[in-house]
C-alpha cells in the first residue's frame, strides 16, 4: 500500500475568516472532493496493465490509497521516470506517463493546475457553507 502526505498551510490576519476556512478545510465533503480530484489527476501516472492498480484507489476524506498486493512495490520500485522497459507487469501502453511516485510526478507536471483545482474546491465549499 503506497502512501504520501501532502500538506499546506494558509494563514489569515482575520480570525473570523480563518475560522471559516479552517471549517472548510476540515469539512469531509471538501476533503473527499479534493481527494477525488487528486486521484483523477494522478491516475494517468499510475502503472496500468489491466487496471487492477489504478482501479483500486480507495478515496476517503482522510486519504487516497491503492489496494493491491503490489501497490507499495509499484510505487517505490524505481526512481520517478525510470525506464520501465522489460519490467514484469509494467507498461506504458495505456498510461504513457506511468511511473513510480505517481503523485509526485503529477505535481511535477500538473502542480499548478492541481492548485487551481484546490482553489476552485475551496470556493465551491465556502459558498455552500457560507453563501456568496
Protein backbone atom coordinates (compact mmCIF):
# COMPACT_ATOMS: atom_id res chain seq x y z
CA UNK A 1 0.00 0.00 0.00
CA UNK A 2 1.58 3.23 -1.16
CA UNK A 3 1.11 6.49 0.64
CA UNK A 4 2.40 10.03 0.61
CA UNK A 5 1.32 13.08 2.56
CA UNK A 6 0.65 16.47 1.06
CA UNK A 7 0.39 19.36 3.48
CA UNK A 8 -0.11 23.07 3.10
CA UNK A 9 -0.90 25.91 5.48
CA UNK A 10 -3.00 29.03 4.96
CA UNK A 11 -2.75 31.89 7.46
CA UNK A 12 -5.27 34.74 7.66
CA UNK A 13 -4.98 38.01 9.54
CA UNK A 14 -8.73 37.98 10.31
CA UNK A 15 -9.65 35.37 12.94
CA UNK A 16 -13.27 35.05 11.74
CA UNK A 17 -12.20 34.36 8.18
CA UNK A 18 -9.50 31.97 9.38
CA UNK A 19 -12.11 30.05 11.40
CA UNK A 20 -14.39 29.75 8.36
CA UNK A 21 -11.58 28.46 6.17
CA UNK A 22 -10.42 26.02 8.84
CA UNK A 23 -14.00 24.75 8.84
CA UNK A 24 -13.86 24.35 5.04
CA UNK A 25 -10.50 22.53 5.18
CA UNK A 26 -11.69 20.16 7.90
CA UNK A 27 -15.04 19.52 6.18
CA UNK A 28 -15.40 15.93 4.95
CA UNK A 29 -17.22 16.99 1.75
CA UNK A 30 -14.36 19.31 0.82
CA UNK A 31 -11.68 16.76 1.65
CA UNK A 32 -13.48 13.99 -0.24
CA UNK A 33 -13.84 16.22 -3.31
CA UNK A 34 -10.17 17.19 -3.01
CA UNK A 35 -9.04 13.57 -2.79
CA UNK A 36 -11.25 12.61 -5.73
CA UNK A 37 -9.61 15.33 -7.81
CA UNK A 38 -6.16 14.22 -6.65
CA UNK A 39 -6.90 10.61 -7.67
CA UNK A 40 -8.25 11.77 -11.05
CA UNK A 41 -5.13 13.80 -11.78
CA UNK A 42 -2.79 11.03 -10.56
CA UNK A 43 -4.48 8.24 -12.50
CA UNK A 44 -2.56 8.72 -15.76
CA UNK A 45 0.71 8.33 -13.81
CA UNK A 46 -0.33 5.07 -12.10
CA UNK A 47 1.07 1.95 -13.82
CA UNK A 48 -1.69 0.24 -15.78
CA UNK A 49 -1.60 -3.21 -17.34
CA UNK A 50 -5.14 -4.45 -16.80
CA UNK A 51 -6.27 -1.68 -14.48
CA UNK A 52 -6.13 -3.59 -11.22
CA UNK A 53 -3.92 -0.99 -9.52
CA UNK A 54 -5.46 2.27 -10.72
CA UNK A 55 -8.99 0.95 -10.32
CA UNK A 56 -8.48 0.03 -6.66
CA UNK A 57 -7.97 3.56 -5.41
CA UNK A 58 -9.86 3.92 -2.14
CA UNK A 59 -10.82 7.56 -1.79
CA UNK A 60 -11.92 8.89 1.59
CA UNK A 61 -11.84 12.30 3.29
CA UNK A 62 -8.61 11.17 5.01
CA UNK A 63 -6.63 9.63 2.14
CA UNK A 64 -6.28 8.11 -1.31
CA UNK A 65 -4.96 4.57 -1.00
CA UNK A 66 -4.33 1.89 -3.63
CA UNK A 67 -5.30 -1.62 -2.55
CA UNK A 68 -3.44 -4.30 -4.41
CA UNK A 69 -0.81 -6.63 -3.00
CA UNK A 70 1.78 -4.93 -5.20
CA UNK A 71 0.81 -1.24 -4.83
CA UNK A 72 3.68 -0.50 -2.45
CA UNK A 73 6.23 -2.18 -4.72
CA UNK A 74 4.92 -0.36 -7.81
CA UNK A 75 5.10 2.97 -6.00
CA UNK A 76 8.65 2.52 -4.71
CA UNK A 77 10.07 0.17 -7.39
CA UNK A 78 12.05 2.72 -9.41
CA UNK A 79 13.13 6.29 -9.32
CA UNK A 80 10.49 8.55 -10.79
CA UNK A 81 10.52 8.49 -14.62
CA UNK A 82 12.87 5.47 -14.70
CA UNK A 83 12.80 3.32 -17.82
CA UNK A 84 10.14 0.64 -17.38
CA UNK A 85 11.11 -1.45 -20.42
CA UNK A 86 11.43 -5.13 -19.64
CA UNK A 87 9.82 -4.71 -16.23
CA UNK A 88 7.36 -7.50 -15.45
CA UNK A 89 3.78 -6.23 -15.30
CA UNK A 90 4.87 -2.65 -16.04
CA UNK A 91 3.86 -0.99 -19.24
CA UNK A 92 3.21 2.50 -20.56
CA UNK A 93 0.95 1.28 -23.35
CA UNK A 94 -2.29 2.52 -21.71
CA UNK A 95 -0.75 5.10 -19.37
CA UNK A 96 2.21 6.61 -21.25
CA UNK A 97 3.14 8.72 -18.21
CA UNK A 98 3.11 5.79 -15.76
CA UNK A 99 5.87 5.90 -13.18
CA UNK A 100 6.70 5.17 -9.58
CA UNK A 101 5.90 8.01 -7.16
CA UNK A 102 2.89 8.87 -9.31
CA UNK A 103 1.61 11.62 -7.00
CA UNK A 104 4.96 13.40 -7.12
CA UNK A 105 5.06 13.02 -10.91
CA UNK A 106 1.62 14.59 -11.16
CA UNK A 107 2.72 17.53 -9.01
CA UNK A 108 5.84 17.95 -11.12
CA UNK A 109 3.83 18.21 -14.35
CA UNK A 110 0.42 19.44 -13.17
CA UNK A 111 1.05 21.05 -9.80
CA UNK A 112 -0.17 24.50 -10.86
CA UNK A 113 -3.32 23.04 -12.41
CA UNK A 114 -3.97 20.98 -9.29
CA UNK A 115 -3.59 24.07 -7.11
CA UNK A 116 -6.18 25.76 -9.35
CA UNK A 117 -8.44 22.75 -8.65
CA UNK A 118 -7.84 23.26 -4.92
CA UNK A 119 -8.77 26.95 -5.18
CA UNK A 120 -11.95 26.07 -7.09
CA UNK A 121 -12.89 23.46 -4.48
CA UNK A 122 -12.27 25.92 -1.64
CA UNK A 123 -14.54 28.49 -3.29
CA UNK A 124 -17.18 25.82 -4.04
CA UNK A 125 -17.33 24.54 -0.46
CA UNK A 126 -17.06 28.00 1.11
CA UNK A 127 -20.07 29.16 -0.94
CA UNK A 128 -22.01 26.05 0.05
CA UNK A 129 -21.31 26.63 3.72
CA UNK A 130 -21.46 30.43 3.93
CA UNK A 131 -23.03 31.76 0.73
CA UNK A 132 -21.61 34.50 -1.53
